[in-house]
Structures are given as structure tokens and as C-alpha cells.
Amino acid sequence: MKKLLNMLMTGALVFFVSIAIASSQETKRAPQAESQTEAEGSKYIIGPEDVLAIDVWKEPTLSKTVPVRMDGKISLPLIDEVTASGLTPLQLKEILIKRWKEFIEDPVVSVVVTQANSYKVYVTGYVKTPGVYTLGRETTILQIIPLVGGFTEWANQQKITVIRKENGKEIRITINYKKIIKGDDLDSNIVLKPGDTVIVP
């Protein structure tokens, strides 16, 4: 009887440990799933070097994981080349549905950015680790500073400059980091765009 009780207790222990491990693994996967959901939304702009997971329901031969080439295009079965750069995943999804409708009836398509390699910003000046940073999601000025190790002792936190190209023109945005921290100028906590250069004088 004692031996039977020991066996039952051991089995129960193994069962609960298995549940705990499964729960832990699920928690670790959650951030990745959240990142993909965000990249699948309406804000992220696809660019060269991004990697896209394109799934066509019940059409395994059409479902592919493809890189965006430097010319901004991707290659897919039946429809050949499609321009992806400059579009959101939702915009690209609508284009793919329209193109594949020529070959299959009512295609159900999903587009997920699995690697956001095009979201690069350049940080230079008086920060501890200047360089090129690839960002997986939208990142503000307030968020980028810890990523580069923070300021050096000589940094002028009140005159950070963001250089950005829009419509072929270069614009400069001056930011007072100290005001953002104090909550006096939260509008200056801008979201960085791919290709931005952040200069800390």
C-alpha cells in the first residue's frame, strides 16, 4: 500500500512539473507573438531586407516565407514579382488577394513581418554605444537612449537632433530630452522612422 502511495505521489509530481514547464515555455513565446501581431498591423511600413511570412489558407504551395529584395520586391508563385516596400502588411495583403483571385477562388491571405530588418536608425555623438540599430518595432527617442547605453557625461541632452528624409528632402528636428523626461514636452518624444539619424551633441 505504501509503495502504491509513493507511485501515485511521484506521478502527480511529474504531472505538475510538466504543466509548470509548459506554462513557462508559453510565456517565453508570448513576446515574439506580440511582435508579429504588431508588425502585421496597419502602421509598420515594409522595407528592403524585411522577411515576410505569407500564408494562403489551404494553398500550401503558395504559402512562402520570402525576403524583400533591395529593389523592394518579392517573388511569389503564380503572380511572380510584387512590390512590397513602402506598403503596410495589410496593404500588401489586399494586393496579393487581388492578384491571386486571377488563379484561385476567394483566397484567404495573411502577411506577417517575421524579421523587421529594414527598420534601421543611426545614432551618433555623445552616447555610450553609437552605431546602426535595427529595431523590431516602433521606437521613440525616450526608448532609443537606453538601447545605446545612455549618454556620456559630455552629452548635451537639450539639443538632440534627428535628421530625417521625407519626400526627397532632409528635415532636422531638435529635441530637448530633459523636457521629455520631466513631462514638459511629451510631443517631442517622436517615433523614429527607418533611416533616421539621431545626433547627440
N, C-alpha and C. Protein backbone atom coordinates (compact mmCIF):
# COMPACT_ATOMS: atom_id res chain seq x y z
N MET A 1 0.83 -1.21 0.00
CA MET A 1 0.00 0.00 0.00
C MET A 1 0.87 1.26 0.00
N LYS A 2 1.92 1.20 0.85
CA LYS A 2 2.84 2.35 0.93
C LYS A 2 3.54 2.58 -0.41
N LYS A 3 3.91 1.45 -1.04
CA LYS A 3 4.57 1.56 -2.35
C LYS A 3 3.64 2.17 -3.38
N LEU A 4 2.35 1.80 -3.34
CA LEU A 4 1.36 2.34 -4.27
C LEU A 4 1.18 3.83 -4.07
N LEU A 5 1.15 4.28 -2.79
CA LEU A 5 1.01 5.72 -2.49
C LEU A 5 2.21 6.50 -3.00
N ASN A 6 3.40 5.92 -2.84
CA ASN A 6 4.62 6.59 -3.34
C ASN A 6 4.58 6.76 -4.85
N MET A 7 4.09 5.72 -5.56
CA MET A 7 3.98 5.78 -7.01
C MET A 7 2.99 6.86 -7.44
N LEU A 8 1.87 6.95 -6.72
CA LEU A 8 0.86 7.96 -7.06
C LEU A 8 1.38 9.37 -6.83
N MET A 9 2.10 9.56 -5.72
CA MET A 9 2.67 10.87 -5.41
C MET A 9 3.71 11.26 -6.43
N THR A 10 4.55 10.31 -6.85
CA THR A 10 5.58 10.58 -7.87
C THR A 10 4.94 10.97 -9.19
N GLY A 11 3.88 10.25 -9.57
CA GLY A 11 3.18 10.57 -10.82
C GLY A 11 2.56 11.94 -10.80
N ALA A 12 1.97 12.30 -9.66
CA ALA A 12 1.36 13.63 -9.52
C ALA A 12 2.40 14.72 -9.62
N LEU A 13 3.59 14.47 -9.00
CA LEU A 13 4.67 15.46 -9.04
C LEU A 13 5.14 15.69 -10.47
N VAL A 14 5.33 14.60 -11.21
CA VAL A 14 5.75 14.70 -12.62
C VAL A 14 4.71 15.47 -13.42
N PHE A 15 3.43 15.21 -13.16
CA PHE A 15 2.35 15.89 -13.88
C PHE A 15 2.41 17.39 -13.67
N PHE A 16 2.55 17.82 -12.38
CA PHE A 16 2.56 19.25 -12.08
C PHE A 16 3.82 19.92 -12.60
N VAL A 17 4.96 19.23 -12.57
CA VAL A 17 6.20 19.79 -13.13
C VAL A 17 6.07 19.99 -14.63
N SER A 18 5.42 19.02 -15.31
CA SER A 18 5.21 19.13 -16.76
C SER A 18 4.36 20.34 -17.10
N ILE A 19 3.30 20.57 -16.29
CA ILE A 19 2.43 21.73 -16.51
C ILE A 19 3.21 23.02 -16.31
N ALA A 20 4.06 23.07 -15.28
CA ALA A 20 4.84 24.28 -14.99
C ALA A 20 5.80 24.59 -16.11
N ILE A 21 6.46 23.55 -16.66
CA ILE A 21 7.41 23.76 -17.77
C ILE A 21 6.67 24.26 -19.01
N ALA A 22 5.53 23.65 -19.31
CA ALA A 22 4.75 24.07 -20.49
C ALA A 22 4.31 25.50 -20.35
N SER A 23 3.86 25.88 -19.15
CA SER A 23 3.42 27.25 -18.90
C SER A 23 4.56 28.23 -19.08
N SER A 24 5.76 27.85 -18.59
CA SER A 24 6.94 28.72 -18.72
C SER A 24 7.31 28.94 -20.17
N GLN A 25 7.28 27.86 -20.97
CA GLN A 25 7.62 27.96 -22.40
C GLN A 25 6.63 28.83 -23.14
N GLU A 26 5.35 28.72 -22.77
CA GLU A 26 4.32 29.54 -23.42
C GLU A 26 4.54 31.01 -23.14
N THR A 27 4.93 31.34 -21.90
CA THR A 27 5.19 32.73 -21.52
C THR A 27 6.35 33.29 -22.31
N LYS A 28 7.40 32.50 -22.53
CA LYS A 28 8.58 32.98 -23.25
C LYS A 28 8.27 33.24 -24.72
N ARG A 29 7.29 32.51 -25.26
CA ARG A 29 6.95 32.71 -26.67
C ARG A 29 6.06 33.93 -26.87
N ALA A 30 5.40 34.39 -25.82
CA ALA A 30 4.42 35.47 -25.95
C ALA A 30 4.99 36.75 -26.55
N PRO A 31 6.17 37.22 -26.13
CA PRO A 31 6.69 38.46 -26.71
C PRO A 31 6.87 38.37 -28.22
N GLN A 32 7.33 37.21 -28.73
CA GLN A 32 7.51 37.06 -30.17
C GLN A 32 6.18 37.15 -30.89
N ALA A 33 5.15 36.49 -30.35
CA ALA A 33 3.83 36.55 -30.96
C ALA A 33 3.31 37.96 -30.98
N GLU A 34 3.56 38.72 -29.90
CA GLU A 34 3.09 40.10 -29.82
C GLU A 34 3.79 40.95 -30.88
N SER A 35 5.11 40.70 -31.08
CA SER A 35 5.87 41.46 -32.06
C SER A 35 5.33 41.23 -33.46
N GLN A 36 4.99 39.96 -33.77
CA GLN A 36 4.47 39.65 -35.08
C GLN A 36 3.12 40.30 -35.30
N THR A 37 2.27 40.28 -34.25
CA THR A 37 0.95 40.90 -34.38
C THR A 37 1.09 42.39 -34.66
N GLU A 38 2.03 43.03 -33.98
CA GLU A 38 2.23 44.46 -34.19
C GLU A 38 2.69 44.74 -35.62
N ALA A 39 3.62 43.90 -36.11
CA ALA A 39 4.15 44.09 -37.45
C ALA A 39 3.10 43.79 -38.51
N GLU A 40 2.08 43.01 -38.15
CA GLU A 40 1.03 42.65 -39.10
C GLU A 40 0.00 43.78 -39.23
N GLY A 41 0.04 44.74 -38.32
CA GLY A 41 -0.98 45.77 -38.28
C GLY A 41 -0.84 46.82 -39.36
N SER A 42 -1.49 47.96 -39.14
CA SER A 42 -1.62 48.96 -40.19
C SER A 42 -0.51 50.01 -40.18
N LYS A 43 0.36 50.01 -39.15
CA LYS A 43 1.35 51.08 -39.03
C LYS A 43 2.69 50.74 -39.64
N TYR A 44 3.15 49.52 -39.49
CA TYR A 44 4.50 49.17 -39.93
C TYR A 44 4.62 49.27 -41.46
N ILE A 45 5.70 49.91 -41.91
CA ILE A 45 5.95 50.04 -43.35
C ILE A 45 7.04 49.06 -43.75
N ILE A 46 6.72 48.17 -44.66
CA ILE A 46 7.66 47.15 -45.13
C ILE A 46 8.79 47.82 -45.91
N GLY A 47 10.00 47.29 -45.75
CA GLY A 47 11.15 47.83 -46.46
C GLY A 47 12.09 46.73 -46.90
N PRO A 48 13.13 47.07 -47.68
CA PRO A 48 14.12 46.08 -48.12
C PRO A 48 14.76 45.36 -46.94
N GLU A 49 15.02 44.07 -47.14
CA GLU A 49 15.66 43.19 -46.15
C GLU A 49 14.70 42.65 -45.10
N ASP A 50 13.46 43.15 -45.08
CA ASP A 50 12.46 42.54 -44.19
C ASP A 50 12.18 41.11 -44.68
N VAL A 51 11.73 40.27 -43.76
CA VAL A 51 11.34 38.91 -44.13
C VAL A 51 9.84 38.76 -43.83
N LEU A 52 9.09 38.29 -44.84
CA LEU A 52 7.64 38.20 -44.73
C LEU A 52 7.19 36.74 -44.76
N ALA A 53 6.28 36.40 -43.85
CA ALA A 53 5.63 35.09 -43.89
C ALA A 53 4.26 35.29 -44.52
N ILE A 54 4.09 34.73 -45.71
CA ILE A 54 2.84 34.90 -46.46
C ILE A 54 2.13 33.55 -46.52
N ASP A 55 0.93 33.52 -45.94
CA ASP A 55 0.18 32.26 -45.85
C ASP A 55 -1.12 32.38 -46.64
N VAL A 56 -1.36 31.40 -47.48
CA VAL A 56 -2.62 31.32 -48.23
C VAL A 56 -3.35 30.07 -47.74
N TRP A 57 -4.50 30.29 -47.13
CA TRP A 57 -5.23 29.20 -46.50
C TRP A 57 -5.56 28.09 -47.49
N LYS A 58 -5.24 26.86 -47.09
CA LYS A 58 -5.48 25.65 -47.89
C LYS A 58 -4.72 25.64 -49.22
N GLU A 59 -3.68 26.47 -49.32
CA GLU A 59 -2.84 26.50 -50.52
C GLU A 59 -1.37 26.46 -50.09
N PRO A 60 -0.90 25.28 -49.64
CA PRO A 60 0.47 25.18 -49.13
C PRO A 60 1.54 25.50 -50.17
N THR A 61 1.24 25.28 -51.45
CA THR A 61 2.24 25.56 -52.48
C THR A 61 2.41 27.07 -52.72
N LEU A 62 1.44 27.86 -52.30
CA LEU A 62 1.53 29.31 -52.46
C LEU A 62 2.08 29.99 -51.21
N SER A 63 1.98 29.34 -50.07
CA SER A 63 2.43 29.92 -48.81
C SER A 63 3.96 29.88 -48.74
N LYS A 64 4.56 31.03 -48.51
CA LYS A 64 6.02 31.15 -48.53
C LYS A 64 6.51 32.13 -47.48
N THR A 65 7.74 31.94 -47.04
CA THR A 65 8.47 32.95 -46.28
C THR A 65 9.51 33.54 -47.21
N VAL A 66 9.38 34.83 -47.48
CA VAL A 66 10.22 35.44 -48.51
C VAL A 66 10.89 36.72 -47.99
N PRO A 67 12.12 36.99 -48.46
CA PRO A 67 12.78 38.25 -48.12
C PRO A 67 12.36 39.34 -49.11
N VAL A 68 12.33 40.56 -48.64
CA VAL A 68 12.10 41.70 -49.54
C VAL A 68 13.45 42.10 -50.12
N ARG A 69 13.55 42.04 -51.43
CA ARG A 69 14.82 42.35 -52.08
C ARG A 69 15.15 43.84 -51.97
N MET A 70 16.37 44.19 -52.33
CA MET A 70 16.80 45.58 -52.25
C MET A 70 16.02 46.48 -53.21
N ASP A 71 15.43 45.89 -54.26
CA ASP A 71 14.58 46.68 -55.16
C ASP A 71 13.16 46.82 -54.62
N GLY A 72 12.91 46.26 -53.43
CA GLY A 72 11.60 46.41 -52.79
C GLY A 72 10.57 45.38 -53.19
N LYS A 73 10.98 44.38 -53.98
CA LYS A 73 10.02 43.41 -54.50
C LYS A 73 10.19 42.04 -53.84
N ILE A 74 9.12 41.24 -53.93
CA ILE A 74 9.16 39.85 -53.52
C ILE A 74 8.68 38.99 -54.68
N SER A 75 9.07 37.71 -54.65
CA SER A 75 8.66 36.78 -55.71
C SER A 75 7.78 35.70 -55.11
N LEU A 76 6.62 35.47 -55.75
CA LEU A 76 5.65 34.51 -55.23
C LEU A 76 5.11 33.63 -56.36
N PRO A 77 4.68 32.40 -56.04
CA PRO A 77 4.14 31.51 -57.07
C PRO A 77 2.92 32.10 -57.78
N LEU A 78 2.82 31.84 -59.05
CA LEU A 78 1.72 32.26 -59.93
C LEU A 78 1.76 33.75 -60.30
N ILE A 79 2.02 34.62 -59.31
CA ILE A 79 1.92 36.06 -59.58
C ILE A 79 3.29 36.72 -59.76
N ASP A 80 4.35 35.92 -59.66
CA ASP A 80 5.72 36.41 -59.90
C ASP A 80 6.10 37.56 -58.95
N GLU A 81 6.55 38.69 -59.50
CA GLU A 81 7.06 39.77 -58.67
C GLU A 81 5.96 40.72 -58.21
N VAL A 82 6.07 41.12 -56.94
CA VAL A 82 5.13 42.08 -56.36
C VAL A 82 5.95 43.08 -55.55
N THR A 83 5.64 44.37 -55.70
CA THR A 83 6.32 45.40 -54.90
C THR A 83 5.73 45.41 -53.49
N ALA A 84 6.60 45.17 -52.50
CA ALA A 84 6.18 45.15 -51.10
C ALA A 84 6.66 46.37 -50.33
N SER A 85 7.81 46.89 -50.72
CA SER A 85 8.39 48.02 -49.99
C SER A 85 7.50 49.25 -50.06
N GLY A 86 7.35 49.93 -48.93
CA GLY A 86 6.52 51.13 -48.87
C GLY A 86 5.07 50.85 -48.50
N LEU A 87 4.71 49.56 -48.36
CA LEU A 87 3.35 49.18 -48.01
C LEU A 87 3.29 48.67 -46.57
N THR A 88 2.11 48.76 -45.97
CA THR A 88 1.89 48.07 -44.70
C THR A 88 1.55 46.62 -45.02
N PRO A 89 1.69 45.70 -44.04
CA PRO A 89 1.27 44.31 -44.30
C PRO A 89 -0.18 44.18 -44.76
N LEU A 90 -1.06 45.03 -44.23
CA LEU A 90 -2.47 44.96 -44.63
C LEU A 90 -2.66 45.41 -46.08
N GLN A 91 -1.91 46.43 -46.50
CA GLN A 91 -1.98 46.88 -47.90
C GLN A 91 -1.46 45.81 -48.85
N LEU A 92 -0.35 45.19 -48.46
CA LEU A 92 0.20 44.12 -49.29
C LEU A 92 -0.76 42.94 -49.37
N LYS A 93 -1.40 42.63 -48.26
CA LYS A 93 -2.38 41.55 -48.22
C LYS A 93 -3.48 41.77 -49.25
N GLU A 94 -4.01 43.00 -49.33
CA GLU A 94 -5.09 43.29 -50.28
C GLU A 94 -4.62 43.13 -51.72
N ILE A 95 -3.38 43.55 -51.99
CA ILE A 95 -2.83 43.41 -53.35
C ILE A 95 -2.69 41.93 -53.71
N LEU A 96 -2.18 41.13 -52.77
CA LEU A 96 -1.99 39.70 -53.04
C LEU A 96 -3.32 39.00 -53.26
N ILE A 97 -4.33 39.36 -52.50
CA ILE A 97 -5.66 38.77 -52.70
C ILE A 97 -6.17 39.06 -54.10
N LYS A 98 -5.99 40.30 -54.53
CA LYS A 98 -6.46 40.70 -55.86
C LYS A 98 -5.71 39.94 -56.95
N ARG A 99 -4.39 39.81 -56.78
CA ARG A 99 -3.59 39.13 -57.80
C ARG A 99 -3.90 37.64 -57.85
N TRP A 100 -4.04 37.01 -56.68
CA TRP A 100 -4.29 35.57 -56.66
C TRP A 100 -5.71 35.22 -57.06
N LYS A 101 -6.63 36.17 -57.02
CA LYS A 101 -8.01 35.91 -57.46
C LYS A 101 -8.07 35.52 -58.93
N GLU A 102 -7.04 35.88 -59.68
CA GLU A 102 -7.00 35.52 -61.09
C GLU A 102 -6.79 34.01 -61.27
N PHE A 103 -6.31 33.34 -60.20
CA PHE A 103 -5.97 31.92 -60.31
C PHE A 103 -6.78 31.02 -59.38
N ILE A 104 -7.16 31.53 -58.20
CA ILE A 104 -7.93 30.73 -57.25
C ILE A 104 -9.12 31.53 -56.73
N GLU A 105 -10.13 30.81 -56.28
CA GLU A 105 -11.36 31.47 -55.85
C GLU A 105 -11.27 31.90 -54.39
N ASP A 106 -11.55 33.18 -54.13
CA ASP A 106 -11.59 33.73 -52.77
C ASP A 106 -10.39 33.33 -51.91
N PRO A 107 -9.19 33.73 -52.30
CA PRO A 107 -8.01 33.39 -51.48
C PRO A 107 -8.04 34.09 -50.13
N VAL A 108 -7.70 33.35 -49.07
CA VAL A 108 -7.59 33.91 -47.72
C VAL A 108 -6.10 34.04 -47.41
N VAL A 109 -5.64 35.29 -47.31
CA VAL A 109 -4.20 35.56 -47.23
C VAL A 109 -3.87 36.27 -45.92
N SER A 110 -2.73 35.92 -45.34
CA SER A 110 -2.19 36.67 -44.21
C SER A 110 -0.74 37.04 -44.50
N VAL A 111 -0.33 38.21 -44.04
CA VAL A 111 1.04 38.69 -44.23
C VAL A 111 1.58 39.09 -42.86
N VAL A 112 2.69 38.47 -42.46
CA VAL A 112 3.31 38.77 -41.17
C VAL A 112 4.78 39.10 -41.40
N VAL A 113 5.24 40.20 -40.81
CA VAL A 113 6.66 40.54 -40.87
C VAL A 113 7.36 39.76 -39.75
N THR A 114 8.13 38.75 -40.13
CA THR A 114 8.82 37.93 -39.13
C THR A 114 10.17 38.53 -38.75
N GLN A 115 10.77 39.28 -39.66
CA GLN A 115 12.04 39.98 -39.36
C GLN A 115 11.95 41.39 -39.92
N ALA A 116 11.95 42.38 -39.01
CA ALA A 116 11.84 43.78 -39.44
C ALA A 116 13.24 44.36 -39.61
N ASN A 117 13.96 43.85 -40.61
CA ASN A 117 15.37 44.25 -40.80
C ASN A 117 15.54 45.63 -41.42
N SER A 118 14.49 46.18 -42.00
CA SER A 118 14.61 47.48 -42.67
C SER A 118 14.49 48.65 -41.71
N TYR A 119 14.01 48.37 -40.49
CA TYR A 119 13.79 49.43 -39.51
C TYR A 119 15.13 49.75 -38.83
N LYS A 120 15.98 50.46 -39.54
CA LYS A 120 17.30 50.81 -39.04
C LYS A 120 17.37 52.30 -38.73
N VAL A 121 17.98 52.64 -37.60
CA VAL A 121 18.27 54.03 -37.29
C VAL A 121 19.75 54.15 -36.93
N TYR A 122 20.27 55.35 -37.10
CA TYR A 122 21.69 55.61 -36.87
C TYR A 122 21.82 56.57 -35.69
N VAL A 123 22.62 56.18 -34.71
CA VAL A 123 22.80 57.00 -33.51
C VAL A 123 24.27 57.35 -33.38
N THR A 124 24.57 58.64 -33.29
CA THR A 124 25.95 59.09 -33.21
C THR A 124 26.09 60.21 -32.19
N GLY A 125 27.32 60.54 -31.86
CA GLY A 125 27.56 61.61 -30.90
C GLY A 125 27.90 61.08 -29.52
N TYR A 126 27.53 61.83 -28.49
CA TYR A 126 27.92 61.52 -27.12
C TYR A 126 26.95 60.55 -26.43
N VAL A 127 26.92 59.33 -27.00
CA VAL A 127 26.24 58.20 -26.35
C VAL A 127 27.26 57.10 -26.17
N LYS A 128 26.97 56.17 -25.29
CA LYS A 128 27.98 55.18 -24.93
C LYS A 128 28.26 54.15 -26.03
N THR A 129 27.25 53.79 -26.82
CA THR A 129 27.46 52.82 -27.89
C THR A 129 26.81 53.30 -29.19
N PRO A 130 27.43 54.28 -29.86
CA PRO A 130 26.87 54.75 -31.14
C PRO A 130 26.95 53.66 -32.20
N GLY A 131 26.08 53.76 -33.19
CA GLY A 131 26.11 52.77 -34.27
C GLY A 131 24.79 52.69 -34.99
N VAL A 132 24.64 51.63 -35.77
CA VAL A 132 23.41 51.36 -36.52
C VAL A 132 22.58 50.36 -35.72
N TYR A 133 21.31 50.69 -35.50
CA TYR A 133 20.44 49.84 -34.70
C TYR A 133 19.24 49.40 -35.53
N THR A 134 19.02 48.08 -35.56
CA THR A 134 17.85 47.51 -36.22
C THR A 134 16.76 47.33 -35.18
N LEU A 135 15.64 47.99 -35.39
CA LEU A 135 14.55 47.99 -34.41
C LEU A 135 13.41 47.10 -34.89
N GLY A 136 12.94 46.25 -34.03
CA GLY A 136 11.88 45.32 -34.41
C GLY A 136 10.49 45.90 -34.32
N ARG A 137 10.35 47.06 -33.71
CA ARG A 137 9.03 47.67 -33.54
C ARG A 137 9.20 49.18 -33.41
N GLU A 138 8.09 49.90 -33.37
CA GLU A 138 8.16 51.36 -33.24
C GLU A 138 8.92 51.74 -31.97
N THR A 139 9.85 52.69 -32.12
CA THR A 139 10.72 53.09 -31.01
C THR A 139 10.79 54.61 -30.95
N THR A 140 10.62 55.16 -29.76
CA THR A 140 10.67 56.61 -29.58
C THR A 140 12.07 57.05 -29.16
N ILE A 141 12.26 58.38 -29.14
CA ILE A 141 13.51 58.94 -28.64
C ILE A 141 13.78 58.48 -27.21
N LEU A 142 12.76 58.49 -26.40
CA LEU A 142 12.90 58.08 -25.00
C LEU A 142 13.35 56.63 -24.89
N GLN A 143 12.93 55.80 -25.83
CA GLN A 143 13.26 54.38 -25.78
C GLN A 143 14.62 54.07 -26.40
N ILE A 144 15.07 54.88 -27.37
CA ILE A 144 16.32 54.56 -28.06
C ILE A 144 17.54 54.85 -27.18
N ILE A 145 17.45 55.84 -26.30
CA ILE A 145 18.61 56.21 -25.48
C ILE A 145 19.10 55.06 -24.60
N PRO A 146 18.22 54.35 -23.87
CA PRO A 146 18.71 53.19 -23.12
C PRO A 146 19.30 52.11 -24.02
N LEU A 147 18.78 51.96 -25.24
CA LEU A 147 19.29 50.94 -26.15
C LEU A 147 20.74 51.21 -26.55
N VAL A 148 21.13 52.48 -26.57
CA VAL A 148 22.50 52.83 -26.96
C VAL A 148 23.39 53.03 -25.73
N GLY A 149 22.92 52.59 -24.58
CA GLY A 149 23.73 52.64 -23.39
C GLY A 149 23.64 53.92 -22.58
N GLY A 150 22.80 54.85 -23.04
CA GLY A 150 22.67 56.12 -22.35
C GLY A 150 23.66 57.16 -22.85
N PHE A 151 23.62 58.34 -22.23
CA PHE A 151 24.50 59.45 -22.61
C PHE A 151 25.87 59.32 -21.94
N THR A 152 26.87 59.94 -22.57
CA THR A 152 28.15 60.13 -21.89
C THR A 152 28.05 61.41 -21.05
N GLU A 153 29.04 61.66 -20.24
CA GLU A 153 28.98 62.83 -19.35
C GLU A 153 29.03 64.15 -20.10
N TRP A 154 29.50 64.15 -21.35
CA TRP A 154 29.63 65.40 -22.11
C TRP A 154 28.40 65.69 -22.98
N ALA A 155 27.41 64.83 -22.97
CA ALA A 155 26.26 64.97 -23.87
C ALA A 155 25.41 66.19 -23.53
N ASN A 156 24.98 66.89 -24.57
CA ASN A 156 24.04 68.00 -24.40
C ASN A 156 22.64 67.43 -24.66
N GLN A 157 21.96 67.06 -23.59
CA GLN A 157 20.67 66.40 -23.71
C GLN A 157 19.55 67.33 -24.16
N GLN A 158 19.83 68.63 -24.20
CA GLN A 158 18.79 69.59 -24.55
C GLN A 158 18.77 69.93 -26.05
N LYS A 159 19.76 69.41 -26.79
CA LYS A 159 19.82 69.76 -28.22
C LYS A 159 20.09 68.53 -29.09
N ILE A 160 19.34 67.48 -28.84
CA ILE A 160 19.45 66.29 -29.69
C ILE A 160 18.82 66.61 -31.05
N THR A 161 19.47 66.18 -32.11
CA THR A 161 18.97 66.44 -33.47
C THR A 161 18.62 65.12 -34.16
N VAL A 162 17.42 65.05 -34.73
CA VAL A 162 17.03 63.91 -35.57
C VAL A 162 16.99 64.39 -37.01
N ILE A 163 17.80 63.76 -37.86
CA ILE A 163 17.81 64.09 -39.29
C ILE A 163 16.99 63.03 -40.02
N ARG A 164 16.04 63.51 -40.79
CA ARG A 164 15.08 62.61 -41.45
C ARG A 164 14.86 63.05 -42.89
N LYS A 165 14.69 62.08 -43.78
CA LYS A 165 14.37 62.39 -45.18
C LYS A 165 12.90 62.11 -45.43
N GLU A 166 12.21 63.14 -45.93
CA GLU A 166 10.79 62.99 -46.28
C GLU A 166 10.55 63.64 -47.63
N ASN A 167 9.95 62.87 -48.53
CA ASN A 167 9.65 63.37 -49.89
C ASN A 167 10.89 63.93 -50.58
N GLY A 168 12.01 63.25 -50.37
CA GLY A 168 13.24 63.66 -51.03
C GLY A 168 13.95 64.83 -50.38
N LYS A 169 13.40 65.36 -49.31
CA LYS A 169 14.01 66.50 -48.63
C LYS A 169 14.49 66.10 -47.23
N GLU A 170 15.58 66.75 -46.80
CA GLU A 170 16.11 66.48 -45.47
C GLU A 170 15.54 67.47 -44.46
N ILE A 171 14.99 66.95 -43.37
CA ILE A 171 14.48 67.83 -42.32
C ILE A 171 15.23 67.54 -41.03
N ARG A 172 15.34 68.55 -40.18
CA ARG A 172 16.03 68.42 -38.90
C ARG A 172 15.06 68.74 -37.77
N ILE A 173 15.03 67.87 -36.78
CA ILE A 173 14.14 68.03 -35.64
C ILE A 173 15.01 68.15 -34.39
N THR A 174 14.86 69.26 -33.66
CA THR A 174 15.63 69.46 -32.43
C THR A 174 14.79 69.04 -31.24
N ILE A 175 15.38 68.25 -30.36
CA ILE A 175 14.65 67.66 -29.23
C ILE A 175 15.37 67.95 -27.92
N ASN A 176 14.59 68.38 -26.93
CA ASN A 176 15.11 68.60 -25.58
C ASN A 176 14.73 67.37 -24.73
N TYR A 177 15.69 66.49 -24.56
CA TYR A 177 15.44 65.23 -23.86
C TYR A 177 15.04 65.45 -22.41
N LYS A 178 15.65 66.46 -21.78
CA LYS A 178 15.37 66.72 -20.37
C LYS A 178 13.91 67.14 -20.17
N LYS A 179 13.36 67.90 -21.14
CA LYS A 179 11.96 68.30 -21.03
C LYS A 179 11.03 67.10 -21.16
N ILE A 180 11.40 66.15 -22.02
CA ILE A 180 10.58 64.95 -22.19
C ILE A 180 10.55 64.17 -20.88
N ILE A 181 11.72 64.02 -20.27
CA ILE A 181 11.83 63.28 -19.02
C ILE A 181 10.97 63.92 -17.93
N LYS A 182 10.96 65.25 -17.90
CA LYS A 182 10.18 65.97 -16.89
C LYS A 182 8.68 65.96 -17.19
N GLY A 183 8.32 65.61 -18.43
CA GLY A 183 6.92 65.61 -18.81
C GLY A 183 6.45 66.95 -19.33
N ASP A 184 7.41 67.87 -19.60
CA ASP A 184 7.04 69.21 -20.06
C ASP A 184 6.80 69.29 -21.57
N ASP A 185 7.37 68.34 -22.33
CA ASP A 185 7.25 68.40 -23.79
C ASP A 185 7.15 66.98 -24.35
N LEU A 186 6.07 66.30 -24.02
CA LEU A 186 5.90 64.91 -24.43
C LEU A 186 5.72 64.78 -25.94
N ASP A 187 5.27 65.85 -26.60
CA ASP A 187 5.10 65.80 -28.07
C ASP A 187 6.44 65.63 -28.78
N SER A 188 7.54 66.00 -28.11
CA SER A 188 8.86 65.86 -28.72
C SER A 188 9.38 64.42 -28.67
N ASN A 189 8.69 63.57 -27.93
CA ASN A 189 9.09 62.17 -27.85
C ASN A 189 8.61 61.44 -29.10
N ILE A 190 9.20 61.80 -30.23
CA ILE A 190 8.73 61.31 -31.53
C ILE A 190 9.08 59.85 -31.75
N VAL A 191 8.29 59.20 -32.59
CA VAL A 191 8.59 57.84 -33.02
C VAL A 191 9.62 57.92 -34.15
N LEU A 192 10.71 57.21 -33.99
CA LEU A 192 11.75 57.22 -35.02
C LEU A 192 11.29 56.45 -36.26
N LYS A 193 11.71 56.93 -37.41
CA LYS A 193 11.37 56.27 -38.67
C LYS A 193 12.62 55.60 -39.26
N PRO A 194 12.43 54.57 -40.09
CA PRO A 194 13.57 53.92 -40.72
C PRO A 194 14.44 54.93 -41.46
N GLY A 195 15.75 54.86 -41.23
CA GLY A 195 16.67 55.76 -41.90
C GLY A 195 16.99 57.02 -41.11
N ASP A 196 16.30 57.25 -39.99
CA ASP A 196 16.57 58.44 -39.16
C ASP A 196 18.00 58.38 -38.62
N THR A 197 18.61 59.56 -38.48
CA THR A 197 19.90 59.69 -37.80
C THR A 197 19.71 60.55 -36.57
N VAL A 198 20.09 60.00 -35.41
CA VAL A 198 19.98 60.70 -34.14
C VAL A 198 21.36 61.19 -33.73
N ILE A 199 21.51 62.50 -33.57
CA ILE A 199 22.81 63.07 -33.22
C ILE A 199 22.71 63.68 -31.82
N VAL A 200 23.58 63.22 -30.93
CA VAL A 200 23.64 63.75 -29.57
C VAL A 200 24.92 64.59 -29.45
N PRO A 201 24.80 65.92 -29.43
CA PRO A 201 26.00 66.76 -29.44
C PRO A 201 26.69 66.80 -28.07
